[in-house]
């Protein structure tokens, strides 16, 4: 069975794991009302998606 000869240092371990980061959440403005929303999702402010009203707008 393989056993490491030496302990892995914190620096070497962290350098190996630098790519394991969650991607940043993308937010864009709605073309209808201008509120910020996630792409490819119905806008919470106006209820529009792809230029059509899909759901009723939530009352503020």
PDB file of N, CA and C in Angstrom:
ATOM      1  N   UNK A   1       0.835  -1.174   0.000  1.00  0.00           N
ATOM      2  CA  UNK A   1       0.000   0.000   0.000  1.00  0.00           C
ATOM      3  C   UNK A   1       0.886   1.246   0.000  1.00  0.00           C
ATOM      4  N   UNK A   2       0.505   2.215  -0.819  1.00  0.00           N
ATOM      5  CA  UNK A   2       1.320   3.428  -0.941  1.00  0.00           C
ATOM      6  C   UNK A   2       1.075   4.347   0.244  1.00  0.00           C
ATOM      7  N   UNK A   3       2.156   4.814   0.835  1.00  0.00           N
ATOM      8  CA  UNK A   3       2.098   5.728   1.967  1.00  0.00           C
ATOM      9  C   UNK A   3       3.029   6.892   1.662  1.00  0.00           C
ATOM     10  N   UNK A   4       2.582   8.146   1.893  1.00  0.00           N
ATOM     11  CA  UNK A   4       3.455   9.269   1.606  1.00  0.00           C
ATOM     12  C   UNK A   4       4.703   9.260   2.489  1.00  0.00           C
ATOM     13  N   UNK A   5       5.845   9.567   1.874  1.00  0.00           N
ATOM     14  CA  UNK A   5       7.095   9.560   2.617  1.00  0.00           C
ATOM     15  C   UNK A   5       7.206  10.763   3.544  1.00  0.00           C
ATOM     16  N   UNK A   6       6.653  11.931   3.069  1.00  0.00           N
ATOM     17  CA  UNK A   6       6.700  13.137   3.878  1.00  0.00           C
ATOM     18  C   UNK A   6       5.318  13.780   3.917  1.00  0.00           C
ATOM     19  N   UNK A   7       5.105  14.582   4.944  1.00  0.00           N
ATOM     20  CA  UNK A   7       3.837  15.288   5.096  1.00  0.00           C
ATOM     21  C   UNK A   7       3.727  16.378   4.030  1.00  0.00           C
ATOM     22  N   UNK A   8       2.544  16.559   3.469  1.00  0.00           N
ATOM     23  CA  UNK A   8       2.313  17.625   2.495  1.00  0.00           C
ATOM     24  C   UNK A   8       2.139  18.939   3.245  1.00  0.00           C
ATOM     25  N   UNK A   9       2.916  19.932   2.880  1.00  0.00           N
ATOM     26  CA  UNK A   9       2.848  21.224   3.557  1.00  0.00           C
ATOM     27  C   UNK A   9       1.557  21.958   3.183  1.00  0.00           C
ATOM     28  N   UNK A  10       1.184  22.949   4.004  1.00  0.00           N
ATOM     29  CA  UNK A  10      -0.014  23.744   3.738  1.00  0.00           C
ATOM     30  C   UNK A  10       0.105  24.475   2.412  1.00  0.00           C
ATOM     31  N   UNK A  11       1.293  24.987   2.142  1.00  0.00           N
ATOM     32  CA  UNK A  11       1.507  25.733   0.900  1.00  0.00           C
ATOM     33  C   UNK A  11       1.307  24.844  -0.318  1.00  0.00           C
ATOM     34  N   UNK A  12       1.884  23.666  -0.302  1.00  0.00           N
ATOM     35  CA  UNK A  12       1.752  22.748  -1.436  1.00  0.00           C
ATOM     36  C   UNK A  12       0.307  22.273  -1.590  1.00  0.00           C
ATOM     37  N   UNK A  13      -0.367  22.010  -0.483  1.00  0.00           N
ATOM     38  CA  UNK A  13      -1.755  21.566  -0.520  1.00  0.00           C
ATOM     39  C   UNK A  13      -2.659  22.663  -1.069  1.00  0.00           C
ATOM     40  N   UNK A  14      -2.449  23.896  -0.605  1.00  0.00           N
ATOM     41  CA  UNK A  14      -3.282  25.012  -1.062  1.00  0.00           C
ATOM     42  C   UNK A  14      -3.003  25.354  -2.522  1.00  0.00           C
ATOM     43  N   UNK A  15      -1.751  25.220  -2.958  1.00  0.00           N
ATOM     44  CA  UNK A  15      -1.418  25.472  -4.359  1.00  0.00           C
ATOM     45  C   UNK A  15      -2.099  24.445  -5.270  1.00  0.00           C
ATOM     46  N   UNK A  16      -2.226  23.224  -4.795  1.00  0.00           N
ATOM     47  CA  UNK A  16      -2.880  22.180  -5.575  1.00  0.00           C
ATOM     48  C   UNK A  16      -4.381  22.402  -5.663  1.00  0.00           C
ATOM     49  N   UNK A  17      -4.965  23.014  -4.627  1.00  0.00           N
ATOM     50  CA  UNK A  17      -6.416  23.181  -4.563  1.00  0.00           C
ATOM     51  C   UNK A  17      -6.901  24.553  -5.011  1.00  0.00           C
ATOM     52  N   UNK A  18      -6.060  25.358  -5.643  1.00  0.00           N
ATOM     53  CA  UNK A  18      -6.468  26.708  -6.028  1.00  0.00           C
ATOM     54  C   UNK A  18      -7.577  26.706  -7.064  1.00  0.00           C
ATOM     55  N   UNK A  19      -7.680  25.695  -7.898  1.00  0.00           N
ATOM     56  CA  UNK A  19      -8.706  25.661  -8.936  1.00  0.00           C
ATOM     57  C   UNK A  19     -10.055  25.191  -8.409  1.00  0.00           C
ATOM     58  N   UNK A  20     -10.144  24.774  -7.170  1.00  0.00           N
ATOM     59  CA  UNK A  20     -11.390  24.273  -6.595  1.00  0.00           C
ATOM     60  C   UNK A  20     -12.182  25.404  -5.950  1.00  0.00           C
ATOM     61  N   UNK A  21     -12.554  26.400  -6.740  1.00  0.00           N
ATOM     62  CA  UNK A  21     -13.262  27.571  -6.252  1.00  0.00           C
ATOM     63  C   UNK A  21     -14.616  27.627  -6.942  1.00  0.00           C
ATOM     64  N   UNK A  22     -15.653  27.970  -6.198  1.00  0.00           N
ATOM     65  CA  UNK A  22     -16.980  28.103  -6.785  1.00  0.00           C
ATOM     66  C   UNK A  22     -16.994  29.296  -7.739  1.00  0.00           C
ATOM     67  N   UNK A  23     -17.616  29.171  -8.905  1.00  0.00           N
ATOM     68  CA  UNK A  23     -17.656  30.297  -9.838  1.00  0.00           C
ATOM     69  C   UNK A  23     -18.539  31.422  -9.303  1.00  0.00           C
ATOM     70  N   UNK A  24     -18.239  32.633  -9.708  1.00  0.00           N
ATOM     71  CA  UNK A  24     -19.017  33.793  -9.290  1.00  0.00           C
ATOM     72  C   UNK A  24     -20.395  33.756  -9.942  1.00  0.00           C
ATOM     73  N   UNK A  25     -21.406  34.215  -9.215  1.00  0.00           N
ATOM     74  CA  UNK A  25     -22.768  34.224  -9.728  1.00  0.00           C
ATOM     75  C   UNK A  25     -22.908  35.385 -10.713  1.00  0.00           C
ATOM     76  N   UNK A  26     -23.410  35.087 -11.898  1.00  0.00           N
ATOM     77  CA  UNK A  26     -23.584  36.094 -12.944  1.00  0.00           C
ATOM     78  C   UNK A  26     -24.933  36.774 -12.752  1.00  0.00           C
ATOM     79  N   UNK A  27     -24.935  38.094 -12.762  1.00  0.00           N
ATOM     80  CA  UNK A  27     -26.167  38.870 -12.631  1.00  0.00           C
ATOM     81  C   UNK A  27     -26.184  39.910 -13.744  1.00  0.00           C
ATOM     82  N   UNK A  28     -27.336  40.043 -14.384  1.00  0.00           N
ATOM     83  CA  UNK A  28     -27.480  41.024 -15.455  1.00  0.00           C
ATOM     84  C   UNK A  28     -28.787  41.781 -15.260  1.00  0.00           C
ATOM     85  N   UNK A  29     -28.925  42.885 -15.950  1.00  0.00           N
ATOM     86  CA  UNK A  29     -30.140  43.681 -15.798  1.00  0.00           C
ATOM     87  C   UNK A  29     -31.226  43.167 -16.743  1.00  0.00           C
ATOM     88  N   UNK A  30     -32.457  43.273 -16.287  1.00  0.00           N
ATOM     89  CA  UNK A  30     -33.615  42.849 -17.084  1.00  0.00           C
ATOM     90  C   UNK A  30     -33.847  43.874 -18.200  1.00  0.00           C
ATOM     91  N   UNK A  31     -34.039  43.425 -19.443  1.00  0.00           N
ATOM     92  CA  UNK A  31     -34.262  44.397 -20.527  1.00  0.00           C
ATOM     93  C   UNK A  31     -35.610  45.109 -20.433  1.00  0.00           C
ATOM     94  N   UNK A  32     -36.568  44.550 -19.705  1.00  0.00           N
ATOM     95  CA  UNK A  32     -37.890  45.165 -19.593  1.00  0.00           C
ATOM     96  C   UNK A  32     -37.927  46.241 -18.503  1.00  0.00           C
ATOM     97  N   UNK A  33     -37.510  45.856 -17.271  1.00  0.00           N
ATOM     98  CA  UNK A  33     -37.678  46.791 -16.145  1.00  0.00           C
ATOM     99  C   UNK A  33     -36.350  47.290 -15.579  1.00  0.00           C
ATOM    100  N   UNK A  34     -35.231  46.639 -15.895  1.00  0.00           N
ATOM    101  CA  UNK A  34     -33.934  47.116 -15.446  1.00  0.00           C
ATOM    102  C   UNK A  34     -33.472  46.570 -14.111  1.00  0.00           C
ATOM    103  N   UNK A  35     -34.268  45.728 -13.448  1.00  0.00           N
ATOM    104  CA  UNK A  35     -33.817  45.142 -12.188  1.00  0.00           C
ATOM    105  C   UNK A  35     -32.790  44.060 -12.474  1.00  0.00           C
ATOM    106  N   UNK A  36     -31.986  43.756 -11.462  1.00  0.00           N
ATOM    107  CA  UNK A  36     -30.938  42.763 -11.628  1.00  0.00           C
ATOM    108  C   UNK A  36     -31.516  41.358 -11.461  1.00  0.00           C
ATOM    109  N   UNK A  37     -31.100  40.423 -12.349  1.00  0.00           N
ATOM    110  CA  UNK A  37     -31.604  39.063 -12.304  1.00  0.00           C
ATOM    111  C   UNK A  37     -30.554  38.104 -12.840  1.00  0.00           C
ATOM    112  N   UNK A  38     -30.734  36.809 -12.564  1.00  0.00           N
ATOM    113  CA  UNK A  38     -29.857  35.789 -13.108  1.00  0.00           C
ATOM    114  C   UNK A  38     -30.235  35.548 -14.568  1.00  0.00           C
ATOM    115  N   UNK A  39     -29.280  35.231 -15.445  1.00  0.00           N
ATOM    116  CA  UNK A  39     -29.617  34.988 -16.844  1.00  0.00           C
ATOM    117  C   UNK A  39     -30.428  33.706 -17.025  1.00  0.00           C
ATOM    118  N   UNK A  40     -31.272  33.673 -18.035  1.00  0.00           N
ATOM    119  CA  UNK A  40     -32.111  32.525 -18.386  1.00  0.00           C
ATOM    120  C   UNK A  40     -33.109  32.193 -17.292  1.00  0.00           C
ATOM    121  N   UNK A  41     -33.591  33.216 -16.590  1.00  0.00           N
ATOM    122  CA  UNK A  41     -34.598  33.034 -15.561  1.00  0.00           C
ATOM    123  C   UNK A  41     -35.637  34.139 -15.682  1.00  0.00           C
ATOM    124  N   UNK A  42     -36.851  33.854 -15.214  1.00  0.00           N
ATOM    125  CA  UNK A  42     -37.922  34.841 -15.238  1.00  0.00           C
ATOM    126  C   UNK A  42     -37.582  35.951 -14.250  1.00  0.00           C
ATOM    127  N   UNK A  43     -37.814  37.184 -14.647  1.00  0.00           N
ATOM    128  CA  UNK A  43     -37.529  38.340 -13.790  1.00  0.00           C
ATOM    129  C   UNK A  43     -38.547  38.393 -12.653  1.00  0.00           C
ATOM    130  N   UNK A  44     -38.059  38.587 -11.415  1.00  0.00           N
ATOM    131  CA  UNK A  44     -38.958  38.692 -10.265  1.00  0.00           C
ATOM    132  C   UNK A  44     -39.718  40.013 -10.266  1.00  0.00           C
ATOM    133  N   UNK A  45     -39.145  41.027 -10.866  1.00  0.00           N
ATOM    134  CA  UNK A  45     -39.773  42.339 -10.840  1.00  0.00           C
ATOM    135  C   UNK A  45     -40.957  42.462 -11.776  1.00  0.00           C
ATOM    136  N   UNK A  46     -40.781  42.046 -13.029  1.00  0.00           N
ATOM    137  CA  UNK A  46     -41.847  42.247 -14.015  1.00  0.00           C
ATOM    138  C   UNK A  46     -42.471  40.951 -14.517  1.00  0.00           C
ATOM    139  N   UNK A  47     -41.815  39.805 -14.326  1.00  0.00           N
ATOM    140  CA  UNK A  47     -42.377  38.529 -14.761  1.00  0.00           C
ATOM    141  C   UNK A  47     -42.116  38.208 -16.219  1.00  0.00           C
ATOM    142  N   UNK A  48     -41.221  38.962 -16.874  1.00  0.00           N
ATOM    143  CA  UNK A  48     -40.927  38.733 -18.280  1.00  0.00           C
ATOM    144  C   UNK A  48     -39.763  37.757 -18.455  1.00  0.00           C
ATOM    145  N   UNK A  49     -39.802  36.983 -19.542  1.00  0.00           N
ATOM    146  CA  UNK A  49     -38.685  36.137 -19.951  1.00  0.00           C
ATOM    147  C   UNK A  49     -38.727  36.036 -21.468  1.00  0.00           C
ATOM    148  N   UNK A  50     -37.626  36.329 -22.122  1.00  0.00           N
ATOM    149  CA  UNK A  50     -37.501  36.285 -23.590  1.00  0.00           C
ATOM    150  C   UNK A  50     -38.533  37.176 -24.263  1.00  0.00           C
ATOM    151  N   UNK A  51     -38.815  38.340 -23.688  1.00  0.00           N
ATOM    152  CA  UNK A  51     -39.709  39.295 -24.313  1.00  0.00           C
ATOM    153  C   UNK A  51     -41.178  39.004 -24.114  1.00  0.00           C
ATOM    154  N   UNK A  52     -41.550  37.974 -23.373  1.00  0.00           N
ATOM    155  CA  UNK A  52     -42.944  37.633 -23.126  1.00  0.00           C
ATOM    156  C   UNK A  52     -43.209  37.575 -21.633  1.00  0.00           C
ATOM    157  N   UNK A  53     -44.425  37.958 -21.235  1.00  0.00           N
ATOM    158  CA  UNK A  53     -44.788  37.867 -19.822  1.00  0.00           C
ATOM    159  C   UNK A  53     -45.147  36.421 -19.523  1.00  0.00           C
ATOM    160  N   UNK A  54     -44.365  35.792 -18.645  1.00  0.00           N
ATOM    161  CA  UNK A  54     -44.561  34.383 -18.318  1.00  0.00           C
ATOM    162  C   UNK A  54     -45.337  34.205 -17.019  1.00  0.00           C
ATOM    163  N   UNK A  55     -45.087  35.064 -16.028  1.00  0.00           N
ATOM    164  CA  UNK A  55     -45.783  34.990 -14.750  1.00  0.00           C
ATOM    165  C   UNK A  55     -46.252  36.388 -14.376  1.00  0.00           C
ATOM    166  N   UNK A  56     -47.182  36.461 -13.430  1.00  0.00           N
ATOM    167  CA  UNK A  56     -47.632  37.773 -12.983  1.00  0.00           C
ATOM    168  C   UNK A  56     -46.560  38.396 -12.109  1.00  0.00           C
ATOM    169  N   UNK A  57     -46.427  39.691 -12.187  1.00  0.00           N
ATOM    170  CA  UNK A  57     -45.393  40.411 -11.423  1.00  0.00           C
ATOM    171  C   UNK A  57     -45.754  40.395  -9.945  1.00  0.00           C
ATOM    172  N   UNK A  58     -44.722  40.297  -9.103  1.00  0.00           N
ATOM    173  CA  UNK A  58     -44.939  40.319  -7.657  1.00  0.00           C
ATOM    174  C   UNK A  58     -45.160  41.754  -7.195  1.00  0.00           C
ATOM    175  N   UNK A  59     -46.087  41.910  -6.259  1.00  0.00           N
ATOM    176  CA  UNK A  59     -46.379  43.238  -5.724  1.00  0.00           C
ATOM    177  C   UNK A  59     -45.300  43.633  -4.731  1.00  0.00           C
ATOM    178  N   UNK A  60     -44.797  44.859  -4.846  1.00  0.00           N
ATOM    179  CA  UNK A  60     -43.715  45.334  -3.972  1.00  0.00           C
ATOM    180  C   UNK A  60     -44.267  45.932  -2.704  1.00  0.00           C
TER     181      UNK A  60
END
